[in-house]
């Protein structure tokens, strides 16, 4: 009985953390929106209030020199997380008929398929994964953070022209 109460409390806390991360944010952030904002002001202090600079870097490293000068910790995080962008033993995926990742993440069925690719069935019974918002998109690639129990995992997701959704685990945190 105590384990059940503890599990419920952890689950509620996790949902509150994930909900808080998504408050007052868009569900989607397009890389083009960042580029437009950056063209108006290259003030990264201001831009970092609106955009997750690490997620922007993981989508496109074009501004990395400027980002690293602004925040040296970003360089360390970028090196750690960007390693997983290429195919590794953590790459999984599935096939879809959708032509954009935005459609994939707006489908409840494919979101569940996404979860079943990254967590085994036994694990899914014990956790309630929640995709944290916003999801960062550039063309048909995305950076997705999934909250689970006391932590989160970050994934690089791409959709190729053959309808294959490729999911690469970049790393995770335990809170």
N, C-alpha and C. Protein backbone atom coordinates (compact mmCIF):
# COMPACT_ATOMS: atom_id res chain seq x y z
N UNK A 1 0.82 -1.19 0.00
CA UNK A 1 0.00 0.00 0.00
C UNK A 1 0.87 1.26 0.00
N UNK A 2 1.95 1.24 0.77
CA UNK A 2 2.85 2.40 0.83
C UNK A 2 3.50 2.64 -0.53
N UNK A 3 3.86 1.57 -1.24
CA UNK A 3 4.48 1.71 -2.56
C UNK A 3 3.51 2.36 -3.54
N UNK A 4 2.25 2.00 -3.44
CA UNK A 4 1.23 2.58 -4.33
C UNK A 4 1.10 4.07 -4.05
N UNK A 5 1.04 4.45 -2.78
CA UNK A 5 0.94 5.87 -2.42
C UNK A 5 2.16 6.64 -2.90
N UNK A 6 3.33 6.06 -2.72
CA UNK A 6 4.56 6.70 -3.18
C UNK A 6 4.55 6.86 -4.70
N UNK A 7 4.14 5.82 -5.39
CA UNK A 7 4.07 5.88 -6.86
C UNK A 7 3.11 6.98 -7.31
N UNK A 8 1.95 7.06 -6.68
CA UNK A 8 0.96 8.08 -7.05
C UNK A 8 1.50 9.47 -6.78
N UNK A 9 2.19 9.66 -5.66
CA UNK A 9 2.76 10.97 -5.35
C UNK A 9 3.83 11.36 -6.36
N UNK A 10 4.70 10.41 -6.73
CA UNK A 10 5.74 10.67 -7.72
C UNK A 10 5.10 10.98 -9.07
N UNK A 11 4.08 10.26 -9.43
CA UNK A 11 3.38 10.48 -10.69
C UNK A 11 2.75 11.89 -10.73
N UNK A 12 2.11 12.28 -9.65
CA UNK A 12 1.50 13.62 -9.59
C UNK A 12 2.57 14.69 -9.67
N UNK A 13 3.67 14.51 -8.95
CA UNK A 13 4.77 15.47 -8.98
C UNK A 13 5.34 15.59 -10.39
N UNK A 14 5.54 14.46 -11.06
CA UNK A 14 6.07 14.47 -12.42
C UNK A 14 5.13 15.20 -13.36
N UNK A 15 3.85 14.94 -13.24
CA UNK A 15 2.88 15.61 -14.11
C UNK A 15 2.88 17.12 -13.85
N UNK A 16 3.03 17.50 -12.58
CA UNK A 16 3.07 18.94 -12.26
C UNK A 16 4.31 19.59 -12.87
N UNK A 17 5.45 18.91 -12.80
CA UNK A 17 6.69 19.45 -13.38
C UNK A 17 6.53 19.59 -14.88
N UNK A 18 6.03 18.55 -15.52
CA UNK A 18 5.86 18.61 -16.98
C UNK A 18 4.84 19.66 -17.36
N UNK A 19 3.77 19.78 -16.59
CA UNK A 19 2.76 20.80 -16.88
C UNK A 19 3.36 22.19 -16.73
N UNK A 20 4.13 22.38 -15.67
CA UNK A 20 4.76 23.69 -15.43
C UNK A 20 5.70 24.06 -16.57
N UNK A 21 6.44 23.08 -17.08
CA UNK A 21 7.34 23.35 -18.20
C UNK A 21 6.57 23.82 -19.43
N UNK A 22 5.31 23.40 -19.54
CA UNK A 22 4.53 23.73 -20.72
C UNK A 22 3.64 24.95 -20.56
N UNK A 23 3.57 25.53 -19.39
CA UNK A 23 2.70 26.68 -19.17
C UNK A 23 3.17 27.86 -19.99
N UNK A 24 2.24 28.54 -20.58
CA UNK A 24 2.48 29.77 -21.31
C UNK A 24 3.49 29.59 -22.44
N UNK A 25 3.54 28.42 -23.00
CA UNK A 25 4.43 28.17 -24.11
C UNK A 25 3.62 27.66 -25.28
N UNK A 26 4.15 27.86 -26.44
CA UNK A 26 3.55 27.29 -27.63
C UNK A 26 3.79 25.79 -27.62
N UNK A 27 2.93 25.06 -28.30
CA UNK A 27 3.15 23.63 -28.42
C UNK A 27 4.27 23.31 -29.39
N UNK A 28 4.46 24.18 -30.37
CA UNK A 28 5.49 23.99 -31.38
C UNK A 28 6.35 25.23 -31.47
N UNK A 29 7.64 25.01 -31.62
CA UNK A 29 8.55 26.11 -31.93
C UNK A 29 9.25 25.73 -33.21
N UNK A 30 9.11 26.56 -34.19
CA UNK A 30 9.77 26.30 -35.47
C UNK A 30 11.10 27.04 -35.50
N UNK A 31 12.10 26.37 -36.02
CA UNK A 31 13.44 26.95 -36.12
C UNK A 31 13.40 28.28 -36.87
N UNK A 32 12.54 28.37 -37.86
CA UNK A 32 12.40 29.60 -38.64
C UNK A 32 11.97 30.78 -37.76
N UNK A 33 11.15 30.49 -36.73
CA UNK A 33 10.73 31.55 -35.80
C UNK A 33 11.94 32.08 -35.03
N UNK A 34 12.82 31.14 -34.63
CA UNK A 34 14.04 31.58 -33.95
C UNK A 34 14.89 32.43 -34.88
N UNK A 35 15.09 31.98 -36.11
CA UNK A 35 15.92 32.73 -37.06
C UNK A 35 15.36 34.13 -37.29
N UNK A 36 14.06 34.25 -37.38
CA UNK A 36 13.44 35.56 -37.56
C UNK A 36 13.71 36.45 -36.34
N UNK A 37 13.53 35.88 -35.15
CA UNK A 37 13.80 36.65 -33.93
C UNK A 37 15.28 37.01 -33.84
N UNK A 38 16.16 36.09 -34.23
CA UNK A 38 17.60 36.34 -34.18
C UNK A 38 18.00 37.44 -35.16
N UNK A 39 17.33 37.49 -36.31
CA UNK A 39 17.65 38.52 -37.30
C UNK A 39 17.25 39.91 -36.81
N UNK A 40 16.25 39.96 -35.93
CA UNK A 40 15.80 41.24 -35.38
C UNK A 40 16.68 41.69 -34.23
N UNK A 41 17.12 40.73 -33.43
CA UNK A 41 18.03 41.02 -32.32
C UNK A 41 18.88 39.80 -32.04
N UNK A 42 20.18 39.98 -32.03
CA UNK A 42 21.09 38.87 -31.72
C UNK A 42 21.39 38.82 -30.23
N UNK A 43 20.57 39.47 -29.42
CA UNK A 43 20.72 39.50 -27.98
C UNK A 43 20.28 38.15 -27.41
N UNK A 44 21.24 37.29 -27.11
CA UNK A 44 20.91 35.94 -26.65
C UNK A 44 20.31 35.93 -25.25
N UNK A 45 20.60 36.93 -24.47
CA UNK A 45 19.96 37.02 -23.14
C UNK A 45 18.45 37.11 -23.33
N UNK A 46 18.04 37.94 -24.24
CA UNK A 46 16.61 38.12 -24.53
C UNK A 46 16.04 36.88 -25.22
N UNK A 47 16.74 36.35 -26.19
CA UNK A 47 16.25 35.19 -26.94
C UNK A 47 16.17 33.94 -26.08
N UNK A 48 17.06 33.82 -25.11
CA UNK A 48 17.04 32.63 -24.25
C UNK A 48 15.81 32.59 -23.35
N UNK A 49 15.13 33.72 -23.22
CA UNK A 49 13.87 33.75 -22.46
C UNK A 49 12.73 33.14 -23.28
N UNK A 50 12.85 33.19 -24.60
CA UNK A 50 11.79 32.70 -25.49
C UNK A 50 12.10 31.32 -26.08
N UNK A 51 13.38 30.98 -26.20
CA UNK A 51 13.78 29.75 -26.88
C UNK A 51 14.76 28.96 -26.03
N UNK A 52 14.70 27.65 -26.13
CA UNK A 52 15.68 26.78 -25.50
C UNK A 52 16.88 26.72 -26.45
N UNK A 53 17.96 27.39 -26.10
CA UNK A 53 19.10 27.50 -27.00
C UNK A 53 19.75 26.15 -27.29
N UNK A 54 19.74 25.25 -26.32
CA UNK A 54 20.29 23.92 -26.56
C UNK A 54 19.48 23.21 -27.64
N UNK A 55 18.17 23.27 -27.57
CA UNK A 55 17.32 22.61 -28.57
C UNK A 55 17.52 23.25 -29.94
N UNK A 56 17.69 24.56 -29.98
CA UNK A 56 17.96 25.24 -31.25
C UNK A 56 19.28 24.73 -31.83
N UNK A 57 20.30 24.62 -30.99
CA UNK A 57 21.61 24.11 -31.44
C UNK A 57 21.52 22.67 -31.94
N UNK A 58 20.72 21.86 -31.29
CA UNK A 58 20.60 20.47 -31.70
C UNK A 58 19.89 20.34 -33.05
N UNK A 59 19.04 21.30 -33.37
CA UNK A 59 18.40 21.30 -34.69
C UNK A 59 19.34 21.82 -35.78
N UNK A 60 20.17 22.81 -35.42
CA UNK A 60 21.09 23.39 -36.40
C UNK A 60 22.18 24.12 -35.63
N UNK A 61 23.42 23.77 -35.89
CA UNK A 61 24.54 24.33 -35.13
C UNK A 61 25.11 25.60 -35.76
N UNK A 62 24.38 26.20 -36.65
CA UNK A 62 24.84 27.39 -37.38
C UNK A 62 25.33 28.52 -36.47
N UNK A 63 24.68 28.73 -35.34
CA UNK A 63 25.02 29.83 -34.44
C UNK A 63 25.84 29.39 -33.23
N UNK A 64 26.43 28.21 -33.29
CA UNK A 64 27.06 27.66 -32.08
C UNK A 64 28.17 28.55 -31.52
N UNK A 65 28.97 29.16 -32.36
CA UNK A 65 30.05 30.01 -31.85
C UNK A 65 29.49 31.14 -30.99
N UNK A 66 28.44 31.79 -31.47
CA UNK A 66 27.81 32.88 -30.72
C UNK A 66 27.17 32.35 -29.43
N UNK A 67 26.50 31.20 -29.53
CA UNK A 67 25.87 30.60 -28.36
C UNK A 67 26.90 30.23 -27.29
N UNK A 68 28.02 29.65 -27.73
CA UNK A 68 29.05 29.21 -26.78
C UNK A 68 29.72 30.39 -26.10
N UNK A 69 29.87 31.50 -26.81
CA UNK A 69 30.41 32.72 -26.20
C UNK A 69 29.44 33.26 -25.15
N UNK A 70 28.15 33.12 -25.42
CA UNK A 70 27.12 33.59 -24.50
C UNK A 70 27.05 32.73 -23.25
N UNK A 71 27.13 31.41 -23.43
CA UNK A 71 26.99 30.48 -22.30
C UNK A 71 27.91 29.29 -22.54
N UNK A 72 29.01 29.24 -21.82
CA UNK A 72 30.00 28.17 -22.03
C UNK A 72 29.44 26.79 -21.67
N UNK A 73 28.44 26.72 -20.81
CA UNK A 73 27.84 25.43 -20.47
C UNK A 73 27.12 24.82 -21.66
N UNK A 74 26.64 25.67 -22.56
CA UNK A 74 25.96 25.17 -23.76
C UNK A 74 26.89 24.31 -24.60
N UNK A 75 28.16 24.68 -24.66
CA UNK A 75 29.12 23.92 -25.46
C UNK A 75 29.26 22.50 -24.91
N UNK A 76 29.36 22.38 -23.61
CA UNK A 76 29.48 21.08 -22.97
C UNK A 76 28.22 20.23 -23.20
N UNK A 77 27.05 20.85 -23.00
CA UNK A 77 25.79 20.14 -23.21
C UNK A 77 25.62 19.73 -24.67
N UNK A 78 25.98 20.64 -25.56
CA UNK A 78 25.84 20.35 -26.99
C UNK A 78 26.71 19.15 -27.38
N UNK A 79 27.94 19.13 -26.92
CA UNK A 79 28.83 18.00 -27.23
C UNK A 79 28.25 16.69 -26.69
N UNK A 80 27.70 16.74 -25.50
CA UNK A 80 27.15 15.54 -24.87
C UNK A 80 25.92 15.04 -25.64
N UNK A 81 25.00 15.93 -25.95
CA UNK A 81 23.74 15.52 -26.58
C UNK A 81 23.87 15.29 -28.08
N UNK A 82 24.68 16.05 -28.77
CA UNK A 82 24.73 15.93 -30.23
C UNK A 82 25.33 14.61 -30.70
N UNK A 83 26.05 13.93 -29.82
CA UNK A 83 26.63 12.63 -30.16
C UNK A 83 25.55 11.66 -30.65
N UNK A 84 24.37 11.72 -30.07
CA UNK A 84 23.30 10.78 -30.40
C UNK A 84 22.50 11.11 -31.64
N UNK A 85 22.79 12.23 -32.30
CA UNK A 85 22.00 12.60 -33.47
C UNK A 85 22.20 11.59 -34.61
N UNK A 86 23.39 11.08 -34.78
CA UNK A 86 23.63 10.05 -35.79
C UNK A 86 23.08 8.72 -35.33
N UNK A 87 23.04 7.76 -36.23
CA UNK A 87 22.54 6.43 -35.86
C UNK A 87 23.44 5.79 -34.82
N UNK A 88 22.83 5.30 -33.76
CA UNK A 88 23.55 4.60 -32.70
C UNK A 88 22.73 3.38 -32.30
N UNK A 89 23.19 2.68 -31.30
CA UNK A 89 22.42 1.53 -30.80
C UNK A 89 21.11 1.98 -30.15
N UNK A 90 20.95 3.28 -29.92
CA UNK A 90 19.72 3.81 -29.32
C UNK A 90 18.73 4.30 -30.37
N UNK A 91 18.98 4.08 -31.65
CA UNK A 91 18.09 4.52 -32.71
C UNK A 91 16.98 3.49 -32.93
N UNK A 92 15.75 3.97 -32.89
CA UNK A 92 14.57 3.13 -33.15
C UNK A 92 13.65 3.90 -34.08
N UNK A 93 12.57 3.28 -34.50
CA UNK A 93 11.65 4.01 -35.35
C UNK A 93 10.45 3.21 -35.78
N UNK A 94 9.64 3.84 -36.62
CA UNK A 94 8.45 3.20 -37.16
C UNK A 94 8.09 3.87 -38.48
N UNK A 95 7.16 3.26 -39.20
CA UNK A 95 6.74 3.77 -40.51
C UNK A 95 5.38 4.44 -40.36
N UNK A 96 5.21 5.54 -41.09
CA UNK A 96 3.94 6.26 -41.09
C UNK A 96 3.63 6.73 -42.50
N UNK A 97 2.36 7.06 -42.71
CA UNK A 97 1.98 7.62 -44.00
C UNK A 97 1.93 9.15 -43.94
N UNK A 98 2.13 9.72 -42.75
CA UNK A 98 2.16 11.17 -42.64
C UNK A 98 3.40 11.72 -43.33
N UNK A 99 3.29 12.95 -43.79
CA UNK A 99 4.40 13.57 -44.50
C UNK A 99 5.14 14.61 -43.69
N UNK A 100 4.64 14.91 -42.48
CA UNK A 100 5.34 15.87 -41.62
C UNK A 100 5.34 15.38 -40.18
N UNK A 101 6.39 15.74 -39.47
CA UNK A 101 6.48 15.35 -38.06
C UNK A 101 5.42 16.04 -37.21
N UNK A 102 5.03 17.22 -37.60
CA UNK A 102 3.96 17.91 -36.85
C UNK A 102 2.69 17.06 -36.85
N UNK A 103 2.38 16.44 -38.00
CA UNK A 103 1.22 15.55 -38.07
C UNK A 103 1.42 14.33 -37.18
N UNK A 104 2.62 13.81 -37.17
CA UNK A 104 2.91 12.62 -36.35
C UNK A 104 2.64 12.93 -34.87
N UNK A 105 3.13 14.07 -34.39
CA UNK A 105 2.97 14.38 -32.97
C UNK A 105 1.58 14.89 -32.61
N UNK A 106 0.78 15.22 -33.61
CA UNK A 106 -0.60 15.60 -33.31
C UNK A 106 -1.54 14.40 -33.32
N UNK A 107 -1.05 13.24 -33.72
CA UNK A 107 -1.84 12.01 -33.74
C UNK A 107 -1.66 11.25 -32.43
N UNK A 108 -2.75 11.00 -31.71
CA UNK A 108 -2.68 10.23 -30.46
C UNK A 108 -2.13 8.83 -30.70
N UNK A 109 -2.55 8.22 -31.79
CA UNK A 109 -2.10 6.85 -32.08
C UNK A 109 -0.59 6.81 -32.30
N UNK A 110 -0.08 7.76 -33.09
CA UNK A 110 1.36 7.75 -33.37
C UNK A 110 2.18 8.22 -32.17
N UNK A 111 1.61 9.05 -31.32
CA UNK A 111 2.31 9.42 -30.08
C UNK A 111 2.49 8.18 -29.22
N UNK A 112 1.45 7.36 -29.14
CA UNK A 112 1.57 6.10 -28.38
C UNK A 112 2.58 5.17 -29.03
N UNK A 113 2.61 5.16 -30.36
CA UNK A 113 3.60 4.33 -31.07
C UNK A 113 5.01 4.84 -30.78
N UNK A 114 5.17 6.17 -30.72
CA UNK A 114 6.44 6.79 -30.35
C UNK A 114 6.87 6.28 -28.97
N UNK A 115 5.96 6.34 -27.99
CA UNK A 115 6.28 5.87 -26.64
C UNK A 115 6.65 4.39 -26.64
N UNK A 116 5.92 3.58 -27.41
CA UNK A 116 6.21 2.14 -27.40
C UNK A 116 7.54 1.83 -28.08
N UNK A 117 8.03 2.72 -28.93
CA UNK A 117 9.35 2.52 -29.53
C UNK A 117 10.47 2.81 -28.53
N UNK A 118 10.25 3.77 -27.65
CA UNK A 118 11.34 4.17 -26.76
C UNK A 118 11.27 3.52 -25.38
N UNK A 119 10.13 2.96 -25.02
CA UNK A 119 9.99 2.27 -23.73
C UNK A 119 9.38 0.91 -23.98
N UNK A 120 9.87 -0.11 -23.28
CA UNK A 120 9.27 -1.42 -23.44
C UNK A 120 7.92 -1.48 -22.73
N UNK A 121 7.14 -2.48 -23.05
CA UNK A 121 5.77 -2.60 -22.54
C UNK A 121 5.73 -2.63 -21.02
N UNK A 122 6.66 -3.34 -20.41
CA UNK A 122 6.68 -3.42 -18.94
C UNK A 122 6.95 -2.05 -18.33
N UNK A 123 7.86 -1.31 -18.91
CA UNK A 123 8.17 0.03 -18.40
C UNK A 123 6.97 0.96 -18.55
N UNK A 124 6.26 0.87 -19.68
CA UNK A 124 5.11 1.74 -19.91
C UNK A 124 4.01 1.51 -18.88
N UNK A 125 3.95 0.31 -18.30
CA UNK A 125 2.95 0.05 -17.25
C UNK A 125 3.30 0.80 -15.97
N UNK A 126 4.59 1.07 -15.76
CA UNK A 126 5.04 1.70 -14.52
C UNK A 126 5.21 3.21 -14.61
N UNK A 127 5.27 3.74 -15.81
CA UNK A 127 5.51 5.18 -15.97
C UNK A 127 4.41 5.79 -16.83
N UNK A 128 4.27 7.08 -16.73
CA UNK A 128 3.36 7.81 -17.59
C UNK A 128 4.19 8.85 -18.33
N UNK A 129 4.70 8.50 -19.51
CA UNK A 129 5.51 9.48 -20.24
C UNK A 129 4.64 10.61 -20.78
N UNK A 130 5.18 11.81 -20.75
CA UNK A 130 4.48 12.99 -21.24
C UNK A 130 5.46 13.78 -22.09
N UNK A 131 5.06 14.09 -23.32
CA UNK A 131 5.90 14.93 -24.16
C UNK A 131 5.80 16.35 -23.65
N UNK A 132 6.94 16.89 -23.26
CA UNK A 132 6.99 18.26 -22.76
C UNK A 132 6.85 19.22 -23.94
N UNK A 133 6.17 20.31 -23.70
CA UNK A 133 6.05 21.33 -24.76
C UNK A 133 6.94 22.49 -24.41
N UNK A 134 7.44 23.17 -25.38
CA UNK A 134 7.17 23.01 -26.79
C UNK A 134 8.05 21.94 -27.42
N UNK A 135 7.63 21.48 -28.58
CA UNK A 135 8.45 20.61 -29.42
C UNK A 135 9.12 21.53 -30.43
N UNK A 136 10.42 21.38 -30.60
CA UNK A 136 11.19 22.22 -31.52
C UNK A 136 11.31 21.52 -32.87
N UNK A 137 10.92 22.21 -33.95
CA UNK A 137 10.92 21.65 -35.30
C UNK A 137 11.80 22.45 -36.25
N UNK A 138 12.45 21.74 -37.13
CA UNK A 138 13.09 22.33 -38.31
C UNK A 138 12.88 21.34 -39.44
N UNK A 139 12.13 21.78 -40.44
CA UNK A 139 11.76 20.90 -41.56
C UNK A 139 11.14 19.64 -40.99
N UNK A 140 11.66 18.48 -41.30
CA UNK A 140 11.11 17.23 -40.77
C UNK A 140 12.02 16.61 -39.73
N UNK A 141 12.60 17.47 -38.88
CA UNK A 141 13.33 17.00 -37.71
C UNK A 141 12.78 17.73 -36.49
N UNK A 142 12.92 17.11 -35.34
CA UNK A 142 12.41 17.70 -34.12
C UNK A 142 13.27 17.30 -32.93
N UNK A 143 13.25 18.15 -31.93
CA UNK A 143 13.84 17.83 -30.63
C UNK A 143 12.66 17.71 -29.67
N UNK A 144 12.57 16.55 -29.04
CA UNK A 144 11.43 16.24 -28.19
C UNK A 144 11.94 15.84 -26.81
N UNK A 145 11.35 16.44 -25.79
CA UNK A 145 11.68 16.06 -24.42
C UNK A 145 10.50 15.28 -23.85
N UNK A 146 10.78 14.11 -23.29
CA UNK A 146 9.74 13.27 -22.70
C UNK A 146 9.99 13.20 -21.20
N UNK A 147 8.99 13.64 -20.44
CA UNK A 147 9.08 13.58 -18.98
C UNK A 147 8.62 12.20 -18.52
N UNK A 148 9.43 11.61 -17.63
CA UNK A 148 9.10 10.31 -17.06
C UNK A 148 9.45 10.33 -15.58
N UNK A 149 8.52 9.92 -14.77
CA UNK A 149 8.73 9.88 -13.32
C UNK A 149 9.56 11.07 -12.83
N UNK A 150 10.78 10.87 -12.36
CA UNK A 150 11.56 11.95 -11.78
C UNK A 150 12.55 12.58 -12.76
N UNK A 151 12.41 12.34 -14.02
CA UNK A 151 13.39 12.86 -14.97
C UNK A 151 12.81 13.08 -16.34
N UNK A 152 13.72 13.21 -17.29
CA UNK A 152 13.28 13.39 -18.67
C UNK A 152 14.35 12.86 -19.62
N UNK A 153 13.92 12.55 -20.82
CA UNK A 153 14.81 12.11 -21.88
C UNK A 153 14.61 13.03 -23.07
N UNK A 154 15.69 13.28 -23.80
CA UNK A 154 15.63 14.14 -24.97
C UNK A 154 15.91 13.29 -26.21
N UNK A 155 15.09 13.49 -27.24
CA UNK A 155 15.20 12.70 -28.46
C UNK A 155 15.31 13.62 -29.68
N UNK A 156 16.10 13.16 -30.64
CA UNK A 156 16.18 13.78 -31.96
C UNK A 156 15.32 12.90 -32.86
N UNK A 157 14.29 13.47 -33.45
CA UNK A 157 13.34 12.71 -34.25
C UNK A 157 13.35 13.25 -35.67
N UNK A 158 13.40 12.35 -36.63
CA UNK A 158 13.36 12.79 -38.03
C UNK A 158 12.38 11.92 -38.81
N UNK A 159 11.84 12.50 -39.87
CA UNK A 159 10.94 11.79 -40.77
C UNK A 159 11.53 11.89 -42.16
N UNK A 160 11.86 10.74 -42.75
CA UNK A 160 12.45 10.81 -44.08
C UNK A 160 11.37 10.71 -45.16
N UNK A 161 11.76 10.84 -46.41
CA UNK A 161 10.79 10.87 -47.51
C UNK A 161 10.16 9.51 -47.79
N UNK A 162 10.59 8.45 -47.13
CA UNK A 162 9.98 7.13 -47.27
C UNK A 162 8.98 6.86 -46.15
N UNK A 163 8.74 7.85 -45.29
CA UNK A 163 7.77 7.71 -44.22
C UNK A 163 8.30 7.03 -42.97
N UNK A 164 9.62 6.96 -42.83
CA UNK A 164 10.20 6.33 -41.64
C UNK A 164 10.51 7.40 -40.60
N UNK A 165 9.93 7.23 -39.42
CA UNK A 165 10.20 8.10 -38.29
C UNK A 165 11.37 7.48 -37.54
N UNK A 166 12.48 8.21 -37.49
CA UNK A 166 13.68 7.73 -36.81
C UNK A 166 13.80 8.49 -35.49
N UNK A 167 14.00 7.75 -34.42
CA UNK A 167 14.07 8.32 -33.07
C UNK A 167 15.44 8.00 -32.49
N UNK A 168 16.19 9.04 -32.15
CA UNK A 168 17.51 8.88 -31.56
C UNK A 168 17.51 9.46 -30.15
N UNK A 169 17.88 8.64 -29.19
CA UNK A 169 18.00 9.12 -27.81
C UNK A 169 19.26 9.95 -27.69
N UNK A 170 19.12 11.18 -27.18
CA UNK A 170 20.29 12.07 -27.02
C UNK A 170 20.82 12.07 -25.60
N UNK A 171 19.96 11.86 -24.66
CA UNK A 171 20.40 11.86 -23.26
C UNK A 171 19.22 12.08 -22.35
N UNK A 172 19.50 12.07 -21.07
CA UNK A 172 18.43 12.24 -20.11
C UNK A 172 18.93 12.85 -18.82
N UNK A 173 17.97 13.24 -18.00
CA UNK A 173 18.28 13.81 -16.70
C UNK A 173 17.42 13.13 -15.65
N UNK A 174 17.92 13.08 -14.45
CA UNK A 174 17.19 12.54 -13.32
C UNK A 174 17.05 13.65 -12.31
N UNK A 175 15.83 14.02 -12.00
CA UNK A 175 15.60 15.15 -11.08
C UNK A 175 15.30 14.66 -9.69
